[in-house]
Amino acid sequence: MHLTPREMLARLVAFPTVSRDSNLDCIHFIRDYLAAHGVESRLVPNAAGDKANLYATVGPAEAGGVVLSGHTDVVPVDGQTWTSDPFTLTERDGKLYGRGACDMKGFDALALAFVPDMLRAGLKRPVHLALSYDEEVGCQGAIAMVDEMAARTPTPSAVIVGEPSRMKLVNGHKGSVSYFTTVRGHTVHSSRIDTGVSATMVAARLVTWHDDVMEENRRNADPASPFEPPYTTLHCGYIRGGTAANVVADRCEFVSEVRAIPTEDPWAFKARFEAYVRDVIEPRMRRIAPDAGVDIVHRAAVHGLRPEPDGAAERLVRRLTGDNAVGVVSYGTEAGLFQRAGWSTAVCGPGDIAQAHQADEYIEISELEKGARFMRGLIADLAA
């Protein structure tokens, strides 16, 4: 089976691999495609067995190869208005529309479509394909895959994570941690709020704590930082609680996210929040209602990507793209997981991150063409 990048992208988009659902149909298609070209792949399933990562080596089992990393999952289309079927690749005005076309099945399609070229080139150093699940919900799937690859795969010289960057180098991004907070209050009639504990009012104070700490970070930001914004951010994405205007709420919950610049630890901010809850908030609540309290539950974490002085991955991307600019972003990727394994890592992929998660998500055909030139250059580099 020989597919162009566009044909491969159409196949991949047709699999509705929303993170809440299984990705196995897509993974099995990729496994069978690789097998048809004589390339063996390994699956790393999740505990439930309804999702899997896939990794494979094209070329000799030698050290010094390059990992091409992408994720197979996409975000939902629920509540979005699309001009065309989100799971049917559709061309309009030089753009290819479909869920995941940009984030990030475009890169996956390029890596897979060029497998026959890799085989024909007689690579002296291999290409390792690494395709994950559940990137969109905290990079959870790739953890086990990276661990297994580190144990089984000859050490590569570089990892390229193909998140959309318009084929520009990204050598650093923020790390993050997110968590759920549930406030357990004590309900009474609002006329006697002095005898109750309002979960919604306590939650409001805790949400404001996040904003206050972010303001502190903003005031202390290094103006030379390349990040936008140039400081660690704290954000609360939703809050739910209460039942009526005249009832003191007994429950309120919200979700928080910390996105830290690489010189700061997102877990340290979560620890500060937990200490504030433990030392300041809960004692006040329990003076009125001993059973009141606050529960904090981990949701997800993404390791940051640190710029590497003279890193092999950065040198490779610069050589293949001609990009000499400094590139850092505030969004997270799986790159930090590979870097944590001791592998030089950078981000470079087709498309614009502004399209990620949007209705009528698209990738420009010109971006796929730039990605194809990158793949040809990489193959030539590994065959030399």
Protein backbone atom coordinates (compact mmCIF):
# COMPACT_ATOMS: atom_id res chain seq x y z
CA MET A 1 0.00 0.00 0.00
CA HIS A 2 1.54 3.30 -1.12
CA LEU A 3 -0.27 6.45 0.04
CA THR A 4 0.62 10.09 -0.46
CA PRO A 5 0.69 12.26 2.68
CA ARG A 6 -2.71 13.65 1.72
CA GLU A 7 -4.18 10.18 1.17
CA MET A 8 -2.72 9.00 4.48
CA LEU A 9 -4.13 12.06 6.23
CA ALA A 10 -7.59 11.29 4.85
CA ARG A 11 -7.34 7.75 6.24
CA LEU A 12 -6.24 8.98 9.68
CA VAL A 13 -8.86 11.74 9.94
CA ALA A 14 -11.57 9.19 9.16
CA PHE A 15 -10.88 7.47 12.50
CA PRO A 16 -12.78 9.44 15.21
CA THR A 17 -10.06 8.99 17.82
CA VAL A 18 -11.52 11.39 20.39
CA SER A 19 -9.62 10.96 23.65
CA ARG A 20 -12.67 9.67 25.53
CA ASP A 21 -13.01 6.82 22.99
CA SER A 22 -10.82 3.99 21.76
CA ASN A 23 -8.06 4.60 19.21
CA LEU A 24 -7.57 0.93 18.39
CA ASP A 25 -9.12 1.01 14.90
CA CYS A 26 -6.61 3.69 13.93
CA ILE A 27 -3.70 1.91 15.62
CA HIS A 28 -4.56 -1.40 13.96
CA PHE A 29 -4.71 0.32 10.57
CA ILE A 30 -1.24 1.77 11.17
CA ARG A 31 0.09 -1.58 12.39
CA ASP A 32 -1.23 -3.35 9.30
CA TYR A 33 0.10 -0.62 6.99
CA LEU A 34 3.58 -0.95 8.47
CA ALA A 35 3.41 -4.76 8.34
CA ALA A 36 2.53 -4.57 4.64
CA HIS A 37 5.89 -2.84 4.19
CA GLY A 38 7.72 -5.40 6.31
CA VAL A 39 7.99 -3.13 9.36
CA GLU A 40 7.22 -4.73 12.71
CA SER A 41 5.57 -2.57 15.35
CA ARG A 42 4.90 -2.94 19.04
CA LEU A 43 1.74 -1.88 20.86
CA VAL A 44 1.71 -0.53 24.40
CA PRO A 45 -1.92 -0.75 25.60
CA ASN A 46 -3.60 1.05 28.45
CA ALA A 47 -4.86 -0.84 31.50
CA ALA A 48 -8.38 -1.20 30.10
CA GLY A 49 -7.09 -2.52 26.77
CA ASP A 50 -9.21 -0.12 24.70
CA LYS A 51 -6.35 2.20 23.69
CA ALA A 52 -2.76 1.68 22.66
CA ASN A 53 0.45 3.42 21.75
CA LEU A 54 2.44 2.12 18.80
CA TYR A 55 6.15 2.34 18.11
CA ALA A 56 8.25 0.88 15.33
CA THR A 57 11.75 1.05 13.88
CA VAL A 58 12.34 1.61 10.17
CA GLY A 59 15.90 0.77 9.19
CA PRO A 60 18.75 -0.85 11.10
CA ALA A 61 18.55 -1.45 14.84
CA GLU A 62 21.41 0.96 15.47
CA ALA A 63 21.98 3.83 17.86
CA GLY A 64 21.92 7.37 16.54
CA GLY A 65 18.53 7.30 14.82
CA VAL A 66 15.71 9.82 15.01
CA VAL A 67 12.34 9.42 16.73
CA LEU A 68 9.31 10.94 14.97
CA SER A 69 6.67 11.36 17.67
CA GLY A 70 2.98 12.13 17.24
CA HIS A 71 -0.31 11.50 19.00
CA THR A 72 -3.33 9.78 17.51
CA ASP A 73 -6.04 11.23 19.74
CA VAL A 74 -8.07 14.35 18.98
CA VAL A 75 -10.37 16.63 20.95
CA PRO A 76 -14.19 16.35 20.68
CA VAL A 77 -16.31 18.22 18.15
CA ASP A 78 -19.27 18.43 20.55
CA GLY A 79 -20.92 21.85 20.52
CA GLN A 80 -18.91 23.05 17.51
CA THR A 81 -20.44 24.07 14.19
CA TRP A 82 -18.52 22.58 11.26
CA THR A 83 -19.00 23.47 7.60
CA SER A 84 -18.19 19.89 6.57
CA ASP A 85 -18.01 16.47 8.23
CA PRO A 86 -15.15 16.75 10.76
CA PHE A 87 -14.12 13.14 10.12
CA THR A 88 -14.00 13.43 6.33
CA LEU A 89 -10.97 15.26 4.98
CA THR A 90 -12.31 18.09 2.79
CA GLU A 91 -10.36 20.50 0.60
CA ARG A 92 -11.37 24.14 0.26
CA ASP A 93 -9.16 26.99 -0.96
CA GLY A 94 -5.84 25.24 -0.48
CA LYS A 95 -6.75 23.95 2.98
CA LEU A 96 -7.58 20.44 4.18
CA TYR A 97 -10.33 20.45 6.80
CA GLY A 98 -10.94 17.76 9.39
CA ARG A 99 -10.62 17.08 13.09
CA GLY A 100 -6.97 16.41 13.80
CA ALA A 101 -5.82 17.52 10.34
CA CYS A 102 -3.54 20.03 12.05
CA ASP A 103 -3.30 18.68 15.61
CA MET A 104 -1.62 16.44 14.77
CA LYS A 105 -2.50 13.83 12.20
CA GLY A 106 -0.82 15.93 9.53
CA PHE A 107 2.59 15.07 10.98
CA ASP A 108 1.55 11.45 11.60
CA ALA A 109 0.49 11.18 7.96
CA LEU A 110 3.83 12.51 6.74
CA ALA A 111 5.83 10.11 8.89
CA LEU A 112 3.79 7.12 7.74
CA ALA A 113 3.53 8.08 4.07
CA PHE A 114 7.32 8.32 3.83
CA VAL A 115 7.95 4.82 5.21
CA PRO A 116 8.41 3.37 1.69
CA ASP A 117 10.94 6.14 0.94
CA MET A 118 12.79 5.31 4.15
CA LEU A 119 12.98 1.65 3.16
CA ARG A 120 14.19 2.42 -0.35
CA ALA A 121 16.85 4.83 0.90
CA GLY A 122 18.93 2.20 2.70
CA LEU A 123 19.08 4.09 5.99
CA LYS A 124 22.32 3.80 7.91
CA ARG A 125 20.59 5.10 11.02
CA PRO A 126 16.95 4.31 11.78
CA VAL A 127 13.72 6.24 12.04
CA HIS A 128 11.69 5.30 15.10
CA LEU A 129 7.96 6.01 14.83
CA ALA A 130 6.21 6.73 18.14
CA LEU A 131 2.42 7.27 18.10
CA SER A 132 0.56 7.75 21.35
CA TYR A 133 -2.92 7.95 22.85
CA ASP A 134 -4.34 10.45 25.37
CA GLU A 135 -1.98 13.33 24.64
CA GLU A 136 -4.96 15.68 24.74
CA VAL A 137 -5.75 14.72 28.34
CA GLY A 138 -2.36 15.33 29.90
CA CYS A 139 0.10 13.30 27.80
CA GLN A 140 -0.91 10.22 29.76
CA GLY A 141 -0.50 7.56 27.10
CA ALA A 142 3.07 8.30 26.07
CA ILE A 143 4.49 7.74 29.55
CA ALA A 144 4.48 3.94 29.28
CA MET A 145 5.59 4.03 25.65
CA VAL A 146 8.61 6.22 26.35
CA ASP A 147 9.60 3.98 29.25
CA GLU A 148 9.40 0.88 27.05
CA MET A 149 11.23 2.53 24.18
CA ALA A 150 14.02 3.62 26.53
CA ALA A 151 14.43 0.00 27.61
CA ARG A 152 14.17 -1.60 24.15
CA THR A 153 15.20 0.91 21.50
CA PRO A 154 18.80 1.70 20.52
CA THR A 155 19.49 5.18 21.85
CA PRO A 156 18.48 7.79 19.26
CA SER A 157 20.41 10.96 18.59
CA ALA A 158 17.26 13.10 18.47
CA VAL A 159 13.50 13.16 18.94
CA ILE A 160 11.25 15.34 16.79
CA VAL A 161 7.76 15.86 18.22
CA GLY A 162 5.62 16.99 15.30
CA GLU A 163 3.15 19.34 16.97
CA PRO A 164 2.06 22.15 14.64
CA SER A 165 4.75 24.84 14.58
CA ARG A 166 4.66 25.83 10.88
CA MET A 167 7.79 23.72 10.49
CA LYS A 168 9.68 26.12 12.75
CA LEU A 169 11.89 25.02 15.60
CA VAL A 170 10.41 24.92 19.11
CA ASN A 171 13.13 24.13 21.63
CA GLY A 172 11.29 24.97 24.86
CA HIS A 173 7.80 24.92 26.32
CA LYS A 174 6.11 25.25 29.66
CA GLY A 175 5.33 22.34 31.96
CA SER A 176 1.98 22.03 33.66
CA VAL A 177 0.05 20.37 36.42
CA SER A 178 -3.71 20.40 36.88
CA TYR A 179 -5.95 19.28 39.71
CA PHE A 180 -9.55 19.10 40.87
CA THR A 181 -10.64 20.87 44.05
CA THR A 182 -13.86 19.99 45.85
CA VAL A 183 -15.05 22.15 48.76
CA ARG A 184 -17.31 20.42 51.29
CA GLY A 185 -19.35 23.00 53.15
CA HIS A 186 -22.13 22.87 55.71
CA THR A 187 -25.57 23.78 54.41
CA VAL A 188 -28.06 25.96 56.31
CA HIS A 189 -30.68 28.54 55.42
CA SER A 190 -28.98 31.68 54.18
CA SER A 191 -30.59 33.71 56.97
CA ARG A 192 -28.26 31.85 59.40
CA ILE A 193 -25.12 31.73 57.31
CA ASP A 194 -23.18 32.32 60.52
CA THR A 195 -23.90 28.68 61.45
CA GLY A 196 -22.97 27.25 58.05
CA VAL A 197 -19.99 27.04 55.72
CA SER A 198 -20.60 28.19 52.16
CA ALA A 199 -18.75 25.92 49.77
CA THR A 200 -19.19 28.41 46.94
CA MET A 201 -17.76 31.32 48.93
CA VAL A 202 -14.78 29.25 50.07
CA ALA A 203 -14.24 28.12 46.50
CA ALA A 204 -14.33 31.73 45.32
CA ARG A 205 -11.57 32.56 47.80
CA LEU A 206 -9.49 29.64 46.52
CA VAL A 207 -9.98 30.62 42.89
CA THR A 208 -8.89 34.15 43.79
CA TRP A 209 -5.74 32.71 45.41
CA HIS A 210 -4.74 31.41 41.97
CA ASP A 211 -5.24 34.84 40.44
CA ASP A 212 -3.29 36.55 43.24
CA VAL A 213 -0.31 34.21 42.81
CA MET A 214 -0.36 34.71 39.05
CA GLU A 215 -0.29 38.48 39.60
CA GLU A 216 2.71 38.01 41.88
CA ASN A 217 4.41 36.01 39.11
CA ARG A 218 3.59 38.71 36.57
CA ARG A 219 5.16 41.42 38.73
CA ASN A 220 8.33 39.37 39.15
CA ALA A 221 8.61 38.22 35.53
CA ASP A 222 11.95 38.37 33.77
CA PRO A 223 11.49 40.81 30.86
CA ALA A 224 14.13 38.87 28.90
CA SER A 225 12.10 35.65 29.01
CA PRO A 226 11.13 34.45 25.51
CA PHE A 227 7.83 33.01 26.74
CA GLU A 228 4.44 34.62 26.20
CA PRO A 229 3.43 35.41 28.85
CA PRO A 230 6.91 35.44 30.43
CA TYR A 231 5.79 33.99 33.77
CA THR A 232 4.07 30.97 35.31
CA THR A 233 0.30 31.18 34.91
CA LEU A 234 -2.46 29.79 37.13
CA HIS A 235 -5.94 29.28 35.74
CA CYS A 236 -9.29 27.88 36.86
CA GLY A 237 -11.24 26.51 33.93
CA TYR A 238 -14.67 25.83 35.44
CA ILE A 239 -16.53 26.07 38.74
CA ARG A 240 -19.77 24.39 39.76
CA GLY A 241 -21.68 24.59 43.02
CA GLY A 242 -24.71 25.64 44.98
CA THR A 243 -28.43 25.00 44.61
CA ALA A 244 -30.41 28.17 45.38
CA ALA A 245 -30.06 31.81 46.34
CA ASN A 246 -31.26 31.23 49.90
CA VAL A 247 -29.32 28.02 50.62
CA VAL A 248 -25.74 28.02 51.89
CA ALA A 249 -23.99 25.70 49.44
CA ASP A 250 -22.69 22.41 50.78
CA ARG A 251 -20.52 21.59 47.75
CA CYS A 252 -18.52 23.36 45.08
CA GLU A 253 -15.87 22.08 42.71
CA PHE A 254 -13.45 23.61 40.25
CA VAL A 255 -10.43 22.63 38.19
CA SER A 256 -7.08 24.41 38.22
CA GLU A 257 -4.09 24.44 35.91
CA VAL A 258 -0.54 25.69 36.47
CA ARG A 259 1.67 26.31 33.40
CA ALA A 260 5.22 26.92 34.55
CA ILE A 261 8.20 28.40 32.76
CA PRO A 262 11.05 25.83 32.64
CA THR A 263 12.96 27.49 35.51
CA GLU A 264 10.02 26.94 37.87
CA ASP A 265 8.31 23.79 39.11
CA PRO A 266 4.52 23.60 38.58
CA TRP A 267 4.27 21.09 41.44
CA ALA A 268 5.67 23.73 43.82
CA PHE A 269 2.68 25.96 43.11
CA LYS A 270 0.30 23.09 43.76
CA ALA A 271 2.12 22.47 47.06
CA ARG A 272 1.69 26.16 47.97
CA PHE A 273 -2.03 25.86 47.25
CA GLU A 274 -2.33 22.74 49.39
CA ALA A 275 -0.51 24.46 52.25
CA TYR A 276 -2.84 27.47 52.02
CA VAL A 277 -5.85 25.18 52.16
CA ARG A 278 -4.44 23.17 55.07
CA ASP A 279 -3.09 26.04 57.17
CA VAL A 280 -5.54 28.88 56.47
CA ILE A 281 -8.81 27.76 54.89
CA GLU A 282 -9.73 24.46 56.56
CA PRO A 283 -9.16 25.66 60.15
CA ARG A 284 -11.69 28.47 59.57
CA MET A 285 -14.21 26.06 58.08
CA ARG A 286 -13.86 23.50 60.86
CA ARG A 287 -14.35 25.99 63.64
CA ILE A 288 -17.98 26.09 62.45
CA ALA A 289 -18.42 22.60 60.99
CA PRO A 290 -15.84 19.91 61.87
CA ASP A 291 -16.87 17.80 58.86
CA ALA A 292 -16.26 20.60 56.35
CA GLY A 293 -13.08 20.57 54.31
CA VAL A 294 -11.35 20.70 50.94
CA ASP A 295 -10.30 17.74 48.77
CA ILE A 296 -7.61 18.19 46.11
CA VAL A 297 -7.16 15.46 43.50
CA HIS A 298 -4.47 15.30 40.82
CA ARG A 299 -5.78 15.47 37.24
CA ALA A 300 -2.79 15.53 34.87
CA ALA A 301 0.76 16.76 34.41
CA VAL A 302 2.92 17.63 31.41
CA HIS A 303 6.69 17.83 31.67
CA GLY A 304 8.22 21.02 30.34
CA LEU A 305 10.78 21.09 27.54
CA ARG A 306 14.04 22.79 28.48
CA PRO A 307 16.12 24.43 25.76
CA GLU A 308 19.27 22.33 25.32
CA PRO A 309 22.55 24.18 24.78
CA ASP A 310 23.82 22.92 21.43
CA GLY A 311 21.26 20.09 21.52
CA ALA A 312 21.38 17.45 18.78
CA ALA A 313 17.64 17.71 18.05
CA GLU A 314 17.83 21.47 17.71
CA ARG A 315 20.83 21.24 15.39
CA LEU A 316 19.03 18.67 13.23
CA VAL A 317 15.86 20.77 12.91
CA ARG A 318 17.83 23.91 12.13
CA ARG A 319 19.82 22.08 9.47
CA LEU A 320 16.72 20.65 7.79
CA THR A 321 14.52 23.77 8.00
CA GLY A 322 17.03 26.62 7.90
CA ASP A 323 15.28 28.15 10.92
CA ASN A 324 17.71 30.06 13.13
CA ALA A 325 15.18 31.81 15.36
CA VAL A 326 14.62 31.07 19.05
CA GLY A 327 11.36 29.19 19.45
CA VAL A 328 9.50 28.64 22.72
CA VAL A 329 5.77 28.17 23.30
CA SER A 330 3.41 28.19 26.24
CA TYR A 331 1.45 25.07 25.30
CA GLY A 332 2.64 21.62 26.33
CA THR A 333 3.65 18.54 24.35
CA GLU A 334 5.04 15.05 24.90
CA ALA A 335 8.55 16.37 24.22
CA GLY A 336 9.35 16.70 27.92
CA LEU A 337 8.77 12.97 28.41
CA PHE A 338 11.39 12.08 25.81
CA GLN A 339 13.79 14.66 27.20
CA ARG A 340 13.30 13.20 30.67
CA ALA A 341 14.41 9.84 29.23
CA GLY A 342 17.72 11.48 28.37
CA TRP A 343 17.06 11.99 24.64
CA SER A 344 17.70 15.30 22.90
CA THR A 345 14.27 16.60 21.87
CA ALA A 346 12.71 19.42 19.87
CA VAL A 347 9.28 20.23 18.45
CA CYS A 348 8.72 20.81 14.74
CA GLY A 349 5.64 20.03 12.69
CA PRO A 350 3.30 21.30 9.97
CA GLY A 351 0.32 23.55 10.55
CA ASP A 352 -0.55 26.40 12.89
CA ILE A 353 -1.28 25.71 16.57
CA ALA A 354 -4.02 28.35 16.34
CA GLN A 355 -6.07 25.77 14.44
CA ALA A 356 -5.87 23.21 17.24
CA HIS A 357 -9.21 22.31 18.81
CA GLN A 358 -11.16 24.74 16.58
CA ALA A 359 -14.30 24.13 14.55
CA ASP A 360 -13.34 23.72 10.88
CA GLU A 361 -9.81 22.79 11.90
CA TYR A 362 -7.53 22.72 8.88
CA ILE A 363 -3.99 22.35 7.66
CA GLU A 364 -2.77 24.20 4.60
CA ILE A 365 -1.64 22.01 1.71
CA SER A 366 1.49 24.17 1.61
CA GLU A 367 2.29 23.07 5.16
CA LEU A 368 2.08 19.42 4.17
CA GLU A 369 4.44 20.20 1.31
CA LYS A 370 6.91 21.83 3.73
CA GLY A 371 6.62 18.77 5.94
CA ALA A 372 7.32 16.52 2.95
CA ARG A 373 10.51 18.46 2.18
CA PHE A 374 11.55 18.01 5.81
CA MET A 375 11.00 14.25 5.59
CA ARG A 376 13.02 13.97 2.40
CA GLY A 377 15.86 15.90 4.02
CA LEU A 378 15.74 13.73 7.13
CA ILE A 379 15.84 10.53 5.08
CA ALA A 380 18.83 11.80 3.12
CA ASP A 381 20.57 12.73 6.38
CA LEU A 382 20.04 9.26 7.88
CA ALA A 383 21.08 7.51 4.69
CA ALA A 384 24.35 9.45 4.35
